Amino acid sequence: MRKLCLAFSIAFVFVSSYTFPLPEANAVPNEGVPSYAKWGKVAVQETKEKYPSAQIIDYLHVGKETTDGSTVEKFKLWLKGDTKEFGVFVNIEINPETNEVIQITFEETDR
């Protein structure tokens, strides 16, 4: 009886996989991932390089501005240094046609 149940289970799984195929792992590669995620990683990485002794303790995507020739992804990171906490606005200017970084600017703030 166990062998019969096992055989039916295997047959069901085999047949149902053809009838109701499972989605591939990469079928929807960016579902749930915000469009700015790639640039957020760049903002964090570049901020770590600019402020190597500080720890990034918070992250915010402020927004996105698009003009004729470029797109600017805006972030605010909150850092904790040895003696103070401070914010850094990171603006990443991108060429939307090539997806290449044009420039990255940093502006410190106490708020």
PDB file of N, CA and C in Angstrom:
ATOM      1  N   MET A   1       0.823  -1.186   0.000  1.00  0.00           N
ATOM      2  CA  MET A   1       0.000   0.000   0.000  1.00  0.00           C
ATOM      3  C   MET A   1       0.871   1.256   0.000  1.00  0.00           C
ATOM      4  N   ARG A   2       1.955   1.250   0.794  1.00  0.00           N
ATOM      5  CA  ARG A   2       2.858   2.394   0.829  1.00  0.00           C
ATOM      6  C   ARG A   2       3.479   2.634  -0.538  1.00  0.00           C
ATOM      7  N   LYS A   3       3.857   1.558  -1.205  1.00  0.00           N
ATOM      8  CA  LYS A   3       4.477   1.689  -2.524  1.00  0.00           C
ATOM      9  C   LYS A   3       3.485   2.276  -3.510  1.00  0.00           C
ATOM     10  N   LEU A   4       2.232   1.868  -3.402  1.00  0.00           N
ATOM     11  CA  LEU A   4       1.199   2.385  -4.292  1.00  0.00           C
ATOM     12  C   LEU A   4       0.977   3.876  -4.052  1.00  0.00           C
ATOM     13  N   CYS A   5       0.904   4.297  -2.784  1.00  0.00           N
ATOM     14  CA  CYS A   5       0.735   5.711  -2.442  1.00  0.00           C
ATOM     15  C   CYS A   5       1.935   6.523  -2.929  1.00  0.00           C
ATOM     16  N   LEU A   6       3.127   6.001  -2.747  1.00  0.00           N
ATOM     17  CA  LEU A   6       4.339   6.675  -3.200  1.00  0.00           C
ATOM     18  C   LEU A   6       4.340   6.812  -4.718  1.00  0.00           C
ATOM     19  N   ALA A   7       3.938   5.773  -5.401  1.00  0.00           N
ATOM     20  CA  ALA A   7       3.888   5.807  -6.867  1.00  0.00           C
ATOM     21  C   ALA A   7       2.887   6.850  -7.346  1.00  0.00           C
ATOM     22  N   PHE A   8       1.703   6.910  -6.714  1.00  0.00           N
ATOM     23  CA  PHE A   8       0.706   7.914  -7.091  1.00  0.00           C
ATOM     24  C   PHE A   8       1.214   9.326  -6.795  1.00  0.00           C
ATOM     25  N   SER A   9       1.902   9.500  -5.683  1.00  0.00           N
ATOM     26  CA  SER A   9       2.434  10.819  -5.331  1.00  0.00           C
ATOM     27  C   SER A   9       3.459  11.282  -6.352  1.00  0.00           C
ATOM     28  N   ILE A  10       4.353  10.395  -6.723  1.00  0.00           N
ATOM     29  CA  ILE A  10       5.376  10.731  -7.715  1.00  0.00           C
ATOM     30  C   ILE A  10       4.727  11.033  -9.057  1.00  0.00           C
ATOM     31  N   ALA A  11       3.768  10.221  -9.438  1.00  0.00           N
ATOM     32  CA  ALA A  11       3.076  10.444 -10.712  1.00  0.00           C
ATOM     33  C   ALA A  11       2.339  11.777 -10.700  1.00  0.00           C
ATOM     34  N   PHE A  12       1.694  12.120  -9.592  1.00  0.00           N
ATOM     35  CA  PHE A  12       0.976  13.388  -9.479  1.00  0.00           C
ATOM     36  C   PHE A  12       1.929  14.571  -9.617  1.00  0.00           C
ATOM     37  N   VAL A  13       3.051  14.522  -8.915  1.00  0.00           N
ATOM     38  CA  VAL A  13       4.039  15.601  -8.988  1.00  0.00           C
ATOM     39  C   VAL A  13       4.574  15.726 -10.404  1.00  0.00           C
ATOM     40  N   PHE A  14       4.859  14.610 -11.028  1.00  0.00           N
ATOM     41  CA  PHE A  14       5.390  14.601 -12.388  1.00  0.00           C
ATOM     42  C   PHE A  14       4.390  15.201 -13.368  1.00  0.00           C
ATOM     43  N   VAL A  15       3.148  14.769 -13.292  1.00  0.00           N
ATOM     44  CA  VAL A  15       2.115  15.256 -14.210  1.00  0.00           C
ATOM     45  C   VAL A  15       1.781  16.720 -13.920  1.00  0.00           C
ATOM     46  N   SER A  16       1.655  17.091 -12.651  1.00  0.00           N
ATOM     47  CA  SER A  16       1.282  18.468 -12.319  1.00  0.00           C
ATOM     48  C   SER A  16       2.380  19.451 -12.688  1.00  0.00           C
ATOM     49  N   SER A  17       3.629  19.004 -12.716  1.00  0.00           N
ATOM     50  CA  SER A  17       4.700  19.925 -13.100  1.00  0.00           C
ATOM     51  C   SER A  17       4.604  20.287 -14.576  1.00  0.00           C
ATOM     52  N   TYR A  18       4.010  19.417 -15.378  1.00  0.00           N
ATOM     53  CA  TYR A  18       3.800  19.752 -16.782  1.00  0.00           C
ATOM     54  C   TYR A  18       2.515  20.542 -16.979  1.00  0.00           C
ATOM     55  N   THR A  19       1.530  20.253 -16.175  1.00  0.00           N
ATOM     56  CA  THR A  19       0.259  20.946 -16.287  1.00  0.00           C
ATOM     57  C   THR A  19       0.330  22.342 -15.678  1.00  0.00           C
ATOM     58  N   PHE A  20       0.957  22.468 -14.523  1.00  0.00           N
ATOM     59  CA  PHE A  20       1.090  23.734 -13.816  1.00  0.00           C
ATOM     60  C   PHE A  20       2.571  23.990 -13.554  1.00  0.00           C
ATOM     61  N   PRO A  21       3.310  24.431 -14.546  1.00  0.00           N
ATOM     62  CA  PRO A  21       4.747  24.607 -14.351  1.00  0.00           C
ATOM     63  C   PRO A  21       5.046  25.674 -13.299  1.00  0.00           C
ATOM     64  N   LEU A  22       6.062  25.444 -12.521  1.00  0.00           N
ATOM     65  CA  LEU A  22       6.497  26.407 -11.529  1.00  0.00           C
ATOM     66  C   LEU A  22       7.239  27.529 -12.229  1.00  0.00           C
ATOM     67  N   PRO A  23       7.104  28.741 -11.760  1.00  0.00           N
ATOM     68  CA  PRO A  23       7.838  29.840 -12.388  1.00  0.00           C
ATOM     69  C   PRO A  23       9.334  29.666 -12.152  1.00  0.00           C
ATOM     70  N   GLU A  24      10.106  30.060 -13.127  1.00  0.00           N
ATOM     71  CA  GLU A  24      11.548  29.988 -12.979  1.00  0.00           C
ATOM     72  C   GLU A  24      11.989  31.017 -11.963  1.00  0.00           C
ATOM     73  N   ALA A  25      13.148  30.793 -11.358  1.00  0.00           N
ATOM     74  CA  ALA A  25      13.649  31.696 -10.331  1.00  0.00           C
ATOM     75  C   ALA A  25      13.861  33.100 -10.875  1.00  0.00           C
ATOM     76  N   ASN A  26      14.222  33.210 -12.144  1.00  0.00           N
ATOM     77  CA  ASN A  26      14.494  34.517 -12.720  1.00  0.00           C
ATOM     78  C   ASN A  26      13.375  35.011 -13.623  1.00  0.00           C
ATOM     79  N   ALA A  27      12.215  34.424 -13.527  1.00  0.00           N
ATOM     80  CA  ALA A  27      11.113  34.805 -14.412  1.00  0.00           C
ATOM     81  C   ALA A  27      10.708  36.266 -14.201  1.00  0.00           C
ATOM     82  N   VAL A  28      10.691  36.736 -12.967  1.00  0.00           N
ATOM     83  CA  VAL A  28      10.386  38.132 -12.650  1.00  0.00           C
ATOM     84  C   VAL A  28      11.550  38.643 -11.809  1.00  0.00           C
ATOM     85  N   PRO A  29      12.644  39.055 -12.455  1.00  0.00           N
ATOM     86  CA  PRO A  29      13.872  39.322 -11.735  1.00  0.00           C
ATOM     87  C   PRO A  29      13.818  40.482 -10.758  1.00  0.00           C
ATOM     88  N   ASN A  30      12.994  41.487 -10.982  1.00  0.00           N
ATOM     89  CA  ASN A  30      13.020  42.670 -10.134  1.00  0.00           C
ATOM     90  C   ASN A  30      11.734  42.899  -9.363  1.00  0.00           C
ATOM     91  N   GLU A  31      10.916  41.869  -9.238  1.00  0.00           N
ATOM     92  CA  GLU A  31       9.671  42.037  -8.513  1.00  0.00           C
ATOM     93  C   GLU A  31       9.976  42.337  -7.050  1.00  0.00           C
ATOM     94  N   GLY A  32       9.437  43.428  -6.554  1.00  0.00           N
ATOM     95  CA  GLY A  32       9.644  43.801  -5.163  1.00  0.00           C
ATOM     96  C   GLY A  32      10.914  44.597  -4.915  1.00  0.00           C
ATOM     97  N   VAL A  33      11.755  44.765  -5.921  1.00  0.00           N
ATOM     98  CA  VAL A  33      12.985  45.521  -5.776  1.00  0.00           C
ATOM     99  C   VAL A  33      12.748  46.915  -6.348  1.00  0.00           C
ATOM    100  N   PRO A  34      12.936  47.959  -5.534  1.00  0.00           N
ATOM    101  CA  PRO A  34      12.694  49.305  -6.053  1.00  0.00           C
ATOM    102  C   PRO A  34      13.674  49.665  -7.172  1.00  0.00           C
ATOM    103  N   SER A  35      13.251  50.538  -8.063  1.00  0.00           N
ATOM    104  CA  SER A  35      14.079  50.915  -9.213  1.00  0.00           C
ATOM    105  C   SER A  35      15.361  51.619  -8.787  1.00  0.00           C
ATOM    106  N   TYR A  36      15.361  52.226  -7.618  1.00  0.00           N
ATOM    107  CA  TYR A  36      16.539  52.958  -7.152  1.00  0.00           C
ATOM    108  C   TYR A  36      17.523  52.089  -6.364  1.00  0.00           C
ATOM    109  N   ALA A  37      17.238  50.819  -6.191  1.00  0.00           N
ATOM    110  CA  ALA A  37      18.072  49.957  -5.344  1.00  0.00           C
ATOM    111  C   ALA A  37      19.530  49.927  -5.791  1.00  0.00           C
ATOM    112  N   LYS A  38      19.751  49.809  -7.101  1.00  0.00           N
ATOM    113  CA  LYS A  38      21.118  49.783  -7.626  1.00  0.00           C
ATOM    114  C   LYS A  38      21.874  51.043  -7.226  1.00  0.00           C
ATOM    115  N   TRP A  39      21.204  52.197  -7.334  1.00  0.00           N
ATOM    116  CA  TRP A  39      21.856  53.463  -7.034  1.00  0.00           C
ATOM    117  C   TRP A  39      22.000  53.661  -5.532  1.00  0.00           C
ATOM    118  N   GLY A  40      21.119  53.067  -4.751  1.00  0.00           N
ATOM    119  CA  GLY A  40      21.272  53.107  -3.295  1.00  0.00           C
ATOM    120  C   GLY A  40      22.534  52.388  -2.854  1.00  0.00           C
ATOM    121  N   LYS A  41      22.829  51.263  -3.493  1.00  0.00           N
ATOM    122  CA  LYS A  41      24.062  50.530  -3.187  1.00  0.00           C
ATOM    123  C   LYS A  41      25.281  51.375  -3.537  1.00  0.00           C
ATOM    124  N   VAL A  42      25.204  52.073  -4.677  1.00  0.00           N
ATOM    125  CA  VAL A  42      26.308  52.949  -5.077  1.00  0.00           C
ATOM    126  C   VAL A  42      26.468  54.070  -4.052  1.00  0.00           C
ATOM    127  N   ALA A  43      25.365  54.665  -3.619  1.00  0.00           N
ATOM    128  CA  ALA A  43      25.419  55.748  -2.633  1.00  0.00           C
ATOM    129  C   ALA A  43      26.064  55.279  -1.336  1.00  0.00           C
ATOM    130  N   VAL A  44      25.687  54.111  -0.877  1.00  0.00           N
ATOM    131  CA  VAL A  44      26.263  53.560   0.359  1.00  0.00           C
ATOM    132  C   VAL A  44      27.754  53.278   0.173  1.00  0.00           C
ATOM    133  N   GLN A  45      28.117  52.649  -0.915  1.00  0.00           N
ATOM    134  CA  GLN A  45      29.515  52.303  -1.172  1.00  0.00           C
ATOM    135  C   GLN A  45      30.389  53.563  -1.260  1.00  0.00           C
ATOM    136  N   GLU A  46      29.937  54.546  -2.006  1.00  0.00           N
ATOM    137  CA  GLU A  46      30.716  55.776  -2.173  1.00  0.00           C
ATOM    138  C   GLU A  46      30.815  56.550  -0.858  1.00  0.00           C
ATOM    139  N   THR A  47      29.747  56.519  -0.058  1.00  0.00           N
ATOM    140  CA  THR A  47      29.773  57.199   1.237  1.00  0.00           C
ATOM    141  C   THR A  47      30.753  56.509   2.182  1.00  0.00           C
ATOM    142  N   LYS A  48      30.794  55.186   2.149  1.00  0.00           N
ATOM    143  CA  LYS A  48      31.759  54.457   2.976  1.00  0.00           C
ATOM    144  C   LYS A  48      33.188  54.811   2.581  1.00  0.00           C
ATOM    145  N   GLU A  49      33.428  55.002   1.281  1.00  0.00           N
ATOM    146  CA  GLU A  49      34.763  55.375   0.832  1.00  0.00           C
ATOM    147  C   GLU A  49      35.110  56.803   1.251  1.00  0.00           C
ATOM    148  N   LYS A  50      34.146  57.700   1.200  1.00  0.00           N
ATOM    149  CA  LYS A  50      34.398  59.099   1.554  1.00  0.00           C
ATOM    150  C   LYS A  50      34.525  59.290   3.066  1.00  0.00           C
ATOM    151  N   TYR A  51      33.772  58.500   3.842  1.00  0.00           N
ATOM    152  CA  TYR A  51      33.783  58.602   5.305  1.00  0.00           C
ATOM    153  C   TYR A  51      34.128  57.232   5.896  1.00  0.00           C
ATOM    154  N   PRO A  52      35.367  56.782   5.758  1.00  0.00           N
ATOM    155  CA  PRO A  52      35.708  55.409   6.166  1.00  0.00           C
ATOM    156  C   PRO A  52      35.625  55.153   7.669  1.00  0.00           C
ATOM    157  N   SER A  53      35.748  56.181   8.479  1.00  0.00           N
ATOM    158  CA  SER A  53      35.707  55.953   9.930  1.00  0.00           C
ATOM    159  C   SER A  53      34.300  56.066  10.500  1.00  0.00           C
ATOM    160  N   ALA A  54      33.329  56.440   9.672  1.00  0.00           N
ATOM    161  CA  ALA A  54      31.953  56.587  10.137  1.00  0.00           C
ATOM    162  C   ALA A  54      31.142  55.335   9.806  1.00  0.00           C
ATOM    163  N   GLN A  55      30.126  55.109  10.612  1.00  0.00           N
ATOM    164  CA  GLN A  55      29.213  53.981  10.405  1.00  0.00           C
ATOM    165  C   GLN A  55      27.889  54.522   9.861  1.00  0.00           C
ATOM    166  N   ILE A  56      27.393  53.923   8.786  1.00  0.00           N
ATOM    167  CA  ILE A  56      26.101  54.327   8.238  1.00  0.00           C
ATOM    168  C   ILE A  56      25.012  53.655   9.071  1.00  0.00           C
ATOM    169  N   ILE A  57      24.155  54.485   9.684  1.00  0.00           N
ATOM    170  CA  ILE A  57      23.141  53.925  10.576  1.00  0.00           C
ATOM    171  C   ILE A  57      21.714  54.092  10.039  1.00  0.00           C
ATOM    172  N   ASP A  58      21.536  54.883   8.976  1.00  0.00           N
ATOM    173  CA  ASP A  58      20.206  55.028   8.390  1.00  0.00           C
ATOM    174  C   ASP A  58      20.345  55.412   6.925  1.00  0.00           C
ATOM    175  N   TYR A  59      19.289  55.131   6.173  1.00  0.00           N
ATOM    176  CA  TYR A  59      19.305  55.310   4.724  1.00  0.00           C
ATOM    177  C   TYR A  59      17.913  55.701   4.262  1.00  0.00           C
ATOM    178  N   LEU A  60      17.842  56.684   3.364  1.00  0.00           N
ATOM    179  CA  LEU A  60      16.558  57.123   2.839  1.00  0.00           C
ATOM    180  C   LEU A  60      16.715  57.487   1.371  1.00  0.00           C
ATOM    181  N   HIS A  61      15.802  56.990   0.536  1.00  0.00           N
ATOM    182  CA  HIS A  61      15.746  57.439  -0.849  1.00  0.00           C
ATOM    183  C   HIS A  61      14.850  58.664  -0.847  1.00  0.00           C
ATOM    184  N   VAL A  62      15.432  59.823  -1.151  1.00  0.00           N
ATOM    185  CA  VAL A  62      14.703  61.089  -1.096  1.00  0.00           C
ATOM    186  C   VAL A  62      13.829  61.257  -2.324  1.00  0.00           C
ATOM    187  N   GLY A  63      14.332  60.832  -3.474  1.00  0.00           N
ATOM    188  CA  GLY A  63      13.548  60.966  -4.686  1.00  0.00           C
ATOM    189  C   GLY A  63      14.402  60.915  -5.934  1.00  0.00           C
ATOM    190  N   LYS A  64      13.748  61.221  -7.039  1.00  0.00           N
ATOM    191  CA  LYS A  64      14.392  61.137  -8.347  1.00  0.00           C
ATOM    192  C   LYS A  64      13.966  62.344  -9.172  1.00  0.00           C
ATOM    193  N   GLU A  65      14.927  62.975  -9.822  1.00  0.00           N
ATOM    194  CA  GLU A  65      14.640  64.096 -10.710  1.00  0.00           C
ATOM    195  C   GLU A  65      15.153  63.750 -12.092  1.00  0.00           C
ATOM    196  N   THR A  66      14.330  63.980 -13.097  1.00  0.00           N
ATOM    197  CA  THR A  66      14.726  63.697 -14.470  1.00  0.00           C
ATOM    198  C   THR A  66      14.674  64.978 -15.279  1.00  0.00           C
ATOM    199  N   THR A  67      15.761  65.236 -16.012  1.00  0.00           N
ATOM    200  CA  THR A  67      15.815  66.360 -16.938  1.00  0.00           C
ATOM    201  C   THR A  67      16.043  65.795 -18.332  1.00  0.00           C
ATOM    202  N   ASP A  68      16.289  66.665 -19.275  1.00  0.00           N
ATOM    203  CA  ASP A  68      16.480  66.210 -20.652  1.00  0.00           C
ATOM    204  C   ASP A  68      17.652  65.235 -20.804  1.00  0.00           C
ATOM    205  N   GLY A  69      18.777  65.563 -20.210  1.00  0.00           N
ATOM    206  CA  GLY A  69      19.967  64.746 -20.452  1.00  0.00           C
ATOM    207  C   GLY A  69      20.405  63.855 -19.312  1.00  0.00           C
ATOM    208  N   SER A  70      19.740  63.948 -18.152  1.00  0.00           N
ATOM    209  CA  SER A  70      20.201  63.128 -17.029  1.00  0.00           C
ATOM    210  C   SER A  70      19.090  62.881 -16.019  1.00  0.00           C
ATOM    211  N   THR A  71      19.374  61.944 -15.153  1.00  0.00           N
ATOM    212  CA  THR A  71      18.499  61.614 -14.034  1.00  0.00           C
ATOM    213  C   THR A  71      19.334  61.709 -12.768  1.00  0.00           C
ATOM    214  N   VAL A  72      18.766  62.273 -11.713  1.00  0.00           N
ATOM    215  CA  VAL A  72      19.462  62.363 -10.434  1.00  0.00           C
ATOM    216  C   VAL A  72      18.682  61.564  -9.396  1.00  0.00           C
ATOM    217  N   GLU A  73      19.329  60.540  -8.854  1.00  0.00           N
ATOM    218  CA  GLU A  73      18.764  59.779  -7.730  1.00  0.00           C
ATOM    219  C   GLU A  73      19.308  60.421  -6.461  1.00  0.00           C
ATOM    220  N   LYS A  74      18.413  60.742  -5.520  1.00  0.00           N
ATOM    221  CA  LYS A  74      18.790  61.472  -4.311  1.00  0.00           C
ATOM    222  C   LYS A  74      18.590  60.599  -3.078  1.00  0.00           C
ATOM    223  N   PHE A  75      19.616  60.588  -2.234  1.00  0.00           N
ATOM    224  CA  PHE A  75      19.598  59.787  -1.016  1.00  0.00           C
ATOM    225  C   PHE A  75      20.060  60.627   0.161  1.00  0.00           C
ATOM    226  N   LYS A  76      19.591  60.240   1.340  1.00  0.00           N
ATOM    227  CA  LYS A  76      20.098  60.830   2.576  1.00  0.00           C
ATOM    228  C   LYS A  76      20.546  59.676   3.462  1.00  0.00           C
ATOM    229  N   LEU A  77      21.802  59.719   3.842  1.00  0.00           N
ATOM    230  CA  LEU A  77      22.352  58.712   4.737  1.00  0.00           C
ATOM    231  C   LEU A  77      22.703  59.373   6.055  1.00  0.00           C
ATOM    232  N   TRP A  78      22.452  58.685   7.144  1.00  0.00           N
ATOM    233  CA  TRP A  78      22.792  59.193   8.472  1.00  0.00           C
ATOM    234  C   TRP A  78      23.982  58.399   8.959  1.00  0.00           C
ATOM    235  N   LEU A  79      25.032  59.130   9.366  1.00  0.00           N
ATOM    236  CA  LEU A  79      26.285  58.510   9.764  1.00  0.00           C
ATOM    237  C   LEU A  79      26.598  58.797  11.221  1.00  0.00           C
ATOM    238  N   LYS A  80      27.305  57.877  11.826  1.00  0.00           N
ATOM    239  CA  LYS A  80      27.778  58.052  13.202  1.00  0.00           C
ATOM    240  C   LYS A  80      29.293  57.985  13.159  1.00  0.00           C
ATOM    241  N   GLY A  81      29.905  59.127  13.453  1.00  0.00           N
ATOM    242  CA  GLY A  81      31.358  59.199  13.489  1.00  0.00           C
ATOM    243  C   GLY A  81      31.869  58.983  14.897  1.00  0.00           C
ATOM    244  N   ASP A  82      33.142  59.234  15.086  1.00  0.00           N
ATOM    245  CA  ASP A  82      33.749  59.057  16.409  1.00  0.00           C
ATOM    246  C   ASP A  82      33.187  60.046  17.431  1.00  0.00           C
ATOM    247  N   THR A  83      32.911  61.264  16.976  1.00  0.00           N
ATOM    248  CA  THR A  83      32.477  62.298  17.920  1.00  0.00           C
ATOM    249  C   THR A  83      31.103  62.888  17.629  1.00  0.00           C
ATOM    250  N   LYS A  84      30.511  62.571  16.478  1.00  0.00           N
ATOM    251  CA  LYS A  84      29.223  63.178  16.157  1.00  0.00           C
ATOM    252  C   LYS A  84      28.425  62.291  15.211  1.00  0.00           C
ATOM    253  N   GLU A  85      27.120  62.599  15.145  1.00  0.00           N
ATOM    254  CA  GLU A  85      26.247  62.008  14.139  1.00  0.00           C
ATOM    255  C   GLU A  85      25.898  63.115  13.155  1.00  0.00           C
ATOM    256  N   PHE A  86      25.797  62.747  11.881  1.00  0.00           N
ATOM    257  CA  PHE A  86      25.493  63.743  10.866  1.00  0.00           C
ATOM    258  C   PHE A  86      24.885  63.066   9.650  1.00  0.00           C
ATOM    259  N   GLY A  87      24.207  63.880   8.856  1.00  0.00           N
ATOM    260  CA  GLY A  87      23.595  63.388   7.639  1.00  0.00           C
ATOM    261  C   GLY A  87      24.433  63.742   6.434  1.00  0.00           C
ATOM    262  N   VAL A  88      24.284  62.968   5.384  1.00  0.00           N
ATOM    263  CA  VAL A  88      24.948  63.246   4.116  1.00  0.00           C
ATOM    264  C   VAL A  88      23.923  63.049   3.007  1.00  0.00           C
ATOM    265  N   PHE A  89      23.687  64.122   2.252  1.00  0.00           N
ATOM    266  CA  PHE A  89      22.868  64.003   1.053  1.00  0.00           C
ATOM    267  C   PHE A  89      23.778  63.548  -0.070  1.00  0.00           C
ATOM    268  N   VAL A  90      23.393  62.468  -0.729  1.00  0.00           N
ATOM    269  CA  VAL A  90      24.170  61.925  -1.838  1.00  0.00           C
ATOM    270  C   VAL A  90      23.298  62.005  -3.084  1.00  0.00           C
ATOM    271  N   ASN A  91      23.786  62.725  -4.076  1.00  0.00           N
ATOM    272  CA  ASN A  91      23.090  62.842  -5.355  1.00  0.00           C
ATOM    273  C   ASN A  91      23.907  62.129  -6.420  1.00  0.00           C
ATOM    274  N   ILE A  92      23.270  61.205  -7.097  1.00  0.00           N
ATOM    275  CA  ILE A  92      23.940  60.453  -8.155  1.00  0.00           C
ATOM    276  C   ILE A  92      23.300  60.843  -9.481  1.00  0.00           C
ATOM    277  N   GLU A  93      24.076  61.538 -10.301  1.00  0.00           N
ATOM    278  CA  GLU A  93      23.597  61.943 -11.619  1.00  0.00           C
ATOM    279  C   GLU A  93      23.937  60.850 -12.625  1.00  0.00           C
ATOM    280  N   ILE A  94      22.934  60.423 -13.382  1.00  0.00           N
ATOM    281  CA  ILE A  94      23.057  59.255 -14.262  1.00  0.00           C
ATOM    282  C   ILE A  94      22.627  59.639 -15.676  1.00  0.00           C
ATOM    283  N   ASN A  95      23.325  59.097 -16.643  1.00  0.00           N
ATOM    284  CA  ASN A  95      22.889  59.212 -18.040  1.00  0.00           C
ATOM    285  C   ASN A  95      21.837  58.127 -18.248  1.00  0.00           C
ATOM    286  N   PRO A  96      20.574  58.490 -18.498  1.00  0.00           N
ATOM    287  CA  PRO A  96      19.523  57.473 -18.592  1.00  0.00           C
ATOM    288  C   PRO A  96      19.635  56.564 -19.818  1.00  0.00           C
ATOM    289  N   GLU A  97      20.343  57.018 -20.846  1.00  0.00           N
ATOM    290  CA  GLU A  97      20.489  56.188 -22.044  1.00  0.00           C
ATOM    291  C   GLU A  97      21.541  55.093 -21.857  1.00  0.00           C
ATOM    292  N   THR A  98      22.645  55.440 -21.173  1.00  0.00           N
ATOM    293  CA  THR A  98      23.726  54.473 -20.996  1.00  0.00           C
ATOM    294  C   THR A  98      23.748  53.861 -19.602  1.00  0.00           C
ATOM    295  N   ASN A  99      22.981  54.455 -18.671  1.00  0.00           N
ATOM    296  CA  ASN A  99      22.934  53.996 -17.276  1.00  0.00           C
ATOM    297  C   ASN A  99      24.289  54.151 -16.585  1.00  0.00           C
ATOM    298  N   GLU A 100      25.091  55.104 -17.046  1.00  0.00           N
ATOM    299  CA  GLU A 100      26.406  55.370 -16.455  1.00  0.00           C
ATOM    300  C   GLU A 100      26.328  56.578 -15.537  1.00  0.00           C
ATOM    301  N   VAL A 101      27.157  56.562 -14.493  1.00  0.00           N
ATOM    302  CA  VAL A 101      27.210  57.670 -13.550  1.00  0.00           C
ATOM    303  C   VAL A 101      27.938  58.842 -14.194  1.00  0.00           C
ATOM    304  N   ILE A 102      27.321  60.010 -14.127  1.00  0.00           N
ATOM    305  CA  ILE A 102      27.953  61.234 -14.612  1.00  0.00           C
ATOM    306  C   ILE A 102      28.756  61.862 -13.485  1.00  0.00           C
ATOM    307  N   GLN A 103      28.110  61.999 -12.330  1.00  0.00           N
ATOM    308  CA  GLN A 103      28.814  62.512 -11.153  1.00  0.00           C
ATOM    309  C   GLN A 103      28.065  62.167  -9.884  1.00  0.00           C
ATOM    310  N   ILE A 104      28.803  62.178  -8.785  1.00  0.00           N
ATOM    311  CA  ILE A 104      28.230  61.943  -7.457  1.00  0.00           C
ATOM    312  C   ILE A 104      28.635  63.112  -6.577  1.00  0.00           C
ATOM    313  N   THR A 105      27.649  63.718  -5.908  1.00  0.00           N
ATOM    314  CA  THR A 105      27.951  64.827  -5.010  1.00  0.00           C
ATOM    315  C   THR A 105      27.503  64.467  -3.592  1.00  0.00           C
ATOM    316  N   PHE A 106      28.211  65.038  -2.617  1.00  0.00           N
ATOM    317  CA  PHE A 106      27.939  64.819  -1.201  1.00  0.00           C
ATOM    318  C   PHE A 106      27.743  66.181  -0.535  1.00  0.00           C
ATOM    319  N   GLU A 107      26.742  66.257   0.335  1.00  0.00           N
ATOM    320  CA  GLU A 107      26.525  67.467   1.118  1.00  0.00           C
ATOM    321  C   GLU A 107      26.159  67.068   2.532  1.00  0.00           C
ATOM    322  N   GLU A 108      26.983  67.487   3.474  1.00  0.00           N
ATOM    323  CA  GLU A 108      26.750  67.155   4.883  1.00  0.00           C
ATOM    324  C   GLU A 108      25.662  68.057   5.461  1.00  0.00           C
ATOM    325  N   THR A 109      24.924  67.500   6.423  1.00  0.00           N
ATOM    326  CA  THR A 109      23.880  68.252   7.111  1.00  0.00           C
ATOM    327  C   THR A 109      23.825  67.786   8.568  1.00  0.00           C
ATOM    328  N   ASP A 110      23.357  68.668   9.441  1.00  0.00           N
ATOM    329  CA  ASP A 110      23.203  68.266  10.853  1.00  0.00           C
ATOM    330  C   ASP A 110      21.767  67.860  11.154  1.00  0.00           C
ATOM    331  N   ARG A 111      20.915  67.812  10.129  1.00  0.00           N
ATOM    332  CA  ARG A 111      19.523  67.420  10.313  1.00  0.00           C
ATOM    333  C   ARG A 111      19.194  66.179   9.535  1.00  0.00           C
TER     334      ARG A 111
END
